[in-house]
Amino acid sequence: MINGWFHGSTVSALEFEALDAIRPSCVDGDGGGTYAPSALLSIGGLAVTLNPATLTLSAAAMAVSAPGTWTAAQTINANVALTGTLSGTITQSATVTRTGAETLSGSTAKTYHRRTDKSSPGATTSISVAADYYKFDNPTLACVVDVTRPTGEPAGLVIHVYVIGELSNAYTFKDDGTTMFSFVIGTPAKQSATLMWNGTAWEVAAISANATLAAGY
């Protein structure tokens, strides 16, 4: 038995054969490799530090349930359950589906929206879901605004449009060539509307009383 060695022991050929037999099961800390343990692999102790050039997590599910710090960009190709606190800047490029509420608390909590100013757009212009809020100024001539339909997006996308101050020329907002509503001339107040994508077309979810809603909307 290997654990029966003592000072001065003579190592037998069978013991060397036993070492050779278990060596493929050992983790190669220098050369690396691919390992598939048949039971849970648990690492305890004081701490574990990972400092690779790239860390890729591709498990079916991963639970982060203890305080920890990730100090570099990481690629996570799995379902991740977070039961702690995330801090710092988080940049995501994938679709996130939430099944619970999102709560903002604390004096520094903020929500930012994507805003675009449409200044002197001319006779025609277009807007899309590239922004959440579009502010229009007084156009130099009557303007048609085409609201671009998103491709392959489910229902629920929202665009807010508004203009502040009196208009000398009107704005007409269209969905696929069909007039939805207009911001009218000579109304010295804010005109606004909220558009909701229903999966196939844009709906006018809300509109200010001083704007003109087209028939059928």
Protein backbone atom coordinates (compact mmCIF):
# COMPACT_ATOMS: atom_id res chain seq x y z
CA MET A 1 0.00 0.00 0.00
CA ILE A 2 1.30 3.45 -0.89
CA ASN A 3 0.12 4.95 2.37
CA GLY A 4 2.04 2.27 4.25
CA TRP A 5 5.46 3.54 3.23
CA PHE A 6 7.89 4.46 5.98
CA HIS A 7 11.48 5.64 6.04
CA GLY A 8 13.66 2.95 4.51
CA SER A 9 10.82 1.12 2.75
CA THR A 10 11.53 -0.67 -0.51
CA VAL A 11 9.09 0.29 -3.23
CA SER A 12 7.84 -2.74 -5.12
CA ALA A 13 7.06 -3.02 -8.83
CA LEU A 14 3.36 -3.45 -7.98
CA GLU A 15 3.38 -0.13 -6.15
CA PHE A 16 4.93 1.63 -9.15
CA GLU A 17 2.29 0.00 -11.33
CA ALA A 18 -0.39 1.33 -8.96
CA LEU A 19 1.06 4.85 -9.33
CA ASP A 20 1.02 4.53 -13.09
CA ALA A 21 -2.59 3.33 -12.98
CA ILE A 22 -3.88 6.36 -11.04
CA ARG A 23 -1.73 8.97 -12.78
CA PRO A 24 -4.25 9.65 -15.63
CA SER A 25 -6.84 10.60 -12.99
CA CYS A 26 -4.62 13.33 -11.56
CA VAL A 27 -5.10 16.98 -12.55
CA ASP A 28 -2.20 18.29 -14.62
CA GLY A 29 -1.59 21.72 -13.11
CA ASP A 30 1.00 22.67 -15.74
CA GLY A 31 -0.07 20.97 -18.95
CA GLY A 32 -3.83 21.28 -18.39
CA GLY A 33 -6.41 18.96 -19.85
CA THR A 34 -10.10 18.05 -19.87
CA TYR A 35 -11.57 16.35 -16.80
CA ALA A 36 -15.01 14.89 -16.16
CA PRO A 37 -15.27 13.79 -12.51
CA SER A 38 -18.04 11.27 -11.82
CA ALA A 39 -18.88 12.96 -8.50
CA LEU A 40 -19.03 16.52 -7.16
CA LEU A 41 -15.66 18.25 -7.00
CA SER A 42 -15.59 20.48 -3.91
CA ILE A 43 -12.81 22.97 -3.17
CA GLY A 44 -12.74 24.37 0.34
CA GLY A 45 -10.21 26.13 2.47
CA LEU A 46 -9.34 29.79 2.76
CA ALA A 47 -9.94 30.99 -0.81
CA VAL A 48 -9.62 30.26 -4.52
CA THR A 49 -8.04 32.76 -6.91
CA LEU A 50 -8.52 32.52 -10.69
CA ASN A 51 -6.34 34.78 -12.82
CA PRO A 52 -6.49 33.36 -16.35
CA ALA A 53 -6.24 35.37 -19.54
CA THR A 54 -9.75 34.11 -20.36
CA LEU A 55 -12.29 32.44 -18.06
CA THR A 56 -15.16 30.65 -19.82
CA LEU A 57 -17.98 29.09 -17.80
CA SER A 58 -20.18 26.77 -19.84
CA ALA A 59 -22.01 24.66 -17.25
CA ALA A 60 -25.73 23.99 -17.51
CA ALA A 61 -26.24 26.10 -14.39
CA MET A 62 -24.02 28.05 -12.04
CA ALA A 63 -24.92 29.40 -8.60
CA VAL A 64 -22.91 32.21 -7.03
CA SER A 65 -23.96 32.21 -3.38
CA ALA A 66 -21.03 33.67 -1.47
CA PRO A 67 -19.17 36.98 -1.49
CA GLY A 68 -16.67 37.07 -4.32
CA THR A 69 -14.89 39.40 -6.71
CA TRP A 70 -14.45 39.14 -10.47
CA THR A 71 -11.87 41.69 -11.49
CA ALA A 72 -11.70 41.08 -15.25
CA ALA A 73 -13.97 40.60 -18.22
CA GLN A 74 -15.57 37.16 -18.12
CA THR A 75 -17.56 35.12 -20.63
CA ILE A 76 -20.44 33.17 -19.08
CA ASN A 77 -22.23 30.70 -21.35
CA ALA A 78 -24.62 29.32 -18.77
CA ASN A 79 -27.62 30.05 -16.57
CA VAL A 80 -26.34 32.01 -13.57
CA ALA A 81 -28.22 32.34 -10.27
CA LEU A 82 -26.97 35.32 -8.26
CA THR A 83 -27.95 35.40 -4.61
CA GLY A 84 -25.56 38.12 -3.52
CA THR A 85 -24.76 41.69 -4.56
CA LEU A 86 -23.26 42.86 -7.85
CA SER A 87 -21.20 46.03 -7.79
CA GLY A 88 -19.25 47.97 -10.36
CA THR A 89 -20.05 48.28 -14.06
CA ILE A 90 -21.76 45.35 -15.76
CA THR A 91 -21.85 45.30 -19.55
CA GLN A 92 -24.14 42.77 -21.19
CA SER A 93 -24.58 41.99 -24.86
CA ALA A 94 -27.10 39.17 -24.53
CA THR A 95 -30.84 39.11 -23.89
CA VAL A 96 -31.74 39.07 -20.19
CA THR A 97 -35.02 37.51 -19.05
CA ARG A 98 -36.22 38.44 -15.56
CA THR A 99 -38.91 36.48 -13.73
CA GLY A 100 -38.89 38.68 -10.64
CA ALA A 101 -39.05 42.39 -9.86
CA GLU A 102 -36.08 44.69 -10.25
CA THR A 103 -35.68 47.04 -7.30
CA LEU A 104 -33.59 50.21 -7.28
CA SER A 105 -32.76 51.48 -3.80
CA GLY A 106 -30.35 53.89 -2.21
CA SER A 107 -29.67 57.56 -2.84
CA THR A 108 -27.41 56.87 -5.84
CA ALA A 109 -29.72 54.44 -7.70
CA LYS A 110 -30.51 55.66 -11.23
CA THR A 111 -32.14 54.46 -14.43
CA TYR A 112 -30.89 55.85 -17.73
CA HIS A 113 -32.76 55.83 -21.04
CA ARG A 114 -31.44 56.22 -24.56
CA ARG A 115 -32.43 59.69 -25.78
CA THR A 116 -31.99 61.20 -29.24
CA ASP A 117 -32.64 64.80 -30.31
CA LYS A 118 -34.11 65.21 -33.80
CA SER A 119 -33.08 68.75 -34.74
CA SER A 120 -34.38 70.31 -37.99
CA PRO A 121 -35.13 66.92 -39.55
CA GLY A 122 -36.40 68.31 -42.88
CA ALA A 123 -39.29 66.89 -44.90
CA THR A 124 -38.81 63.28 -43.82
CA THR A 125 -36.97 61.44 -41.09
CA SER A 126 -37.19 58.12 -39.28
CA ILE A 127 -36.93 56.81 -35.75
CA SER A 128 -36.44 53.28 -34.41
CA VAL A 129 -35.93 51.37 -31.18
CA ALA A 130 -32.31 52.55 -31.23
CA ALA A 131 -33.54 55.07 -28.63
CA ASP A 132 -36.30 55.16 -26.02
CA TYR A 133 -36.98 58.90 -26.15
CA TYR A 134 -36.98 61.22 -29.18
CA LYS A 135 -37.19 64.98 -28.73
CA PHE A 136 -38.22 67.00 -31.79
CA ASP A 137 -37.68 70.72 -32.31
CA ASN A 138 -39.61 73.17 -34.53
CA PRO A 139 -39.04 71.93 -38.10
CA THR A 140 -38.22 74.26 -40.99
CA LEU A 141 -41.04 72.62 -42.99
CA ALA A 142 -43.74 70.03 -42.49
CA CYS A 143 -42.11 66.72 -41.59
CA VAL A 144 -43.12 63.08 -41.95
CA VAL A 145 -41.61 60.75 -39.34
CA ASP A 146 -41.47 57.08 -40.30
CA VAL A 147 -41.41 54.81 -37.23
CA THR A 148 -39.30 51.85 -38.31
CA ARG A 149 -40.70 48.42 -37.51
CA PRO A 150 -38.22 46.23 -35.60
CA THR A 151 -37.31 42.88 -37.16
CA GLY A 152 -37.99 39.70 -35.21
CA GLU A 153 -38.79 41.48 -31.94
CA PRO A 154 -41.61 40.34 -29.64
CA ALA A 155 -44.26 42.68 -28.31
CA GLY A 156 -43.38 45.17 -25.59
CA LEU A 157 -40.87 47.62 -27.07
CA VAL A 158 -41.68 51.26 -26.32
CA ILE A 159 -40.73 54.57 -27.96
CA HIS A 160 -41.61 57.97 -26.47
CA VAL A 161 -41.74 61.03 -28.75
CA TYR A 162 -42.29 64.65 -27.74
CA VAL A 163 -41.91 68.26 -28.80
CA ILE A 164 -41.74 71.31 -26.53
CA GLY A 165 -43.00 74.72 -27.60
CA GLU A 166 -45.10 76.16 -30.43
CA LEU A 167 -44.73 74.61 -33.88
CA SER A 168 -44.79 76.56 -37.16
CA ASN A 169 -44.89 73.26 -39.10
CA ALA A 170 -46.52 69.95 -38.25
CA TYR A 171 -45.07 66.50 -37.65
CA THR A 172 -46.89 63.46 -39.03
CA PHE A 173 -45.91 60.09 -37.57
CA LYS A 174 -46.43 57.00 -39.73
CA ASP A 175 -46.18 53.23 -39.28
CA ASP A 176 -45.50 51.41 -42.54
CA GLY A 177 -46.93 54.35 -44.49
CA THR A 178 -50.09 54.68 -42.37
CA THR A 179 -50.58 57.90 -40.39
CA MET A 180 -50.88 57.30 -36.65
CA PHE A 181 -50.95 60.84 -35.24
CA SER A 182 -49.64 64.37 -35.72
CA PHE A 183 -48.04 67.09 -33.65
CA VAL A 184 -50.00 70.14 -34.81
CA ILE A 185 -49.13 73.74 -35.64
CA GLY A 186 -49.49 76.60 -33.15
CA THR A 187 -49.84 74.65 -29.93
CA PRO A 188 -47.55 76.41 -27.43
CA ALA A 189 -47.25 73.44 -25.11
CA LYS A 190 -45.65 70.04 -24.98
CA GLN A 191 -47.06 67.45 -27.37
CA SER A 192 -46.15 63.84 -26.76
CA ALA A 193 -47.02 60.24 -27.56
CA THR A 194 -46.00 56.76 -26.43
CA LEU A 195 -45.72 54.01 -29.04
CA MET A 196 -45.94 50.33 -28.14
CA TRP A 197 -44.80 47.53 -30.47
CA ASN A 198 -47.38 44.71 -30.47
CA GLY A 199 -45.21 42.23 -32.35
CA THR A 200 -46.46 43.13 -35.83
CA ALA A 201 -47.20 46.88 -35.80
CA TRP A 202 -46.92 50.04 -33.70
CA GLU A 203 -49.79 51.06 -31.41
CA VAL A 204 -50.36 54.50 -29.90
CA ALA A 205 -50.46 53.62 -26.22
CA ALA A 206 -50.82 57.23 -25.01
CA ILE A 207 -51.00 60.68 -26.58
CA SER A 208 -51.34 64.24 -25.27
CA ALA A 209 -54.69 65.96 -25.71
CA ASN A 210 -53.24 68.70 -27.93
CA ALA A 211 -51.92 66.26 -30.56
CA THR A 212 -54.13 64.81 -33.29
CA LEU A 213 -54.79 61.06 -33.33
CA ALA A 214 -55.58 59.48 -36.70
CA ALA A 215 -58.75 57.46 -37.23
CA GLY A 216 -58.34 53.83 -36.27
CA TYR A 217 -55.76 54.54 -33.57
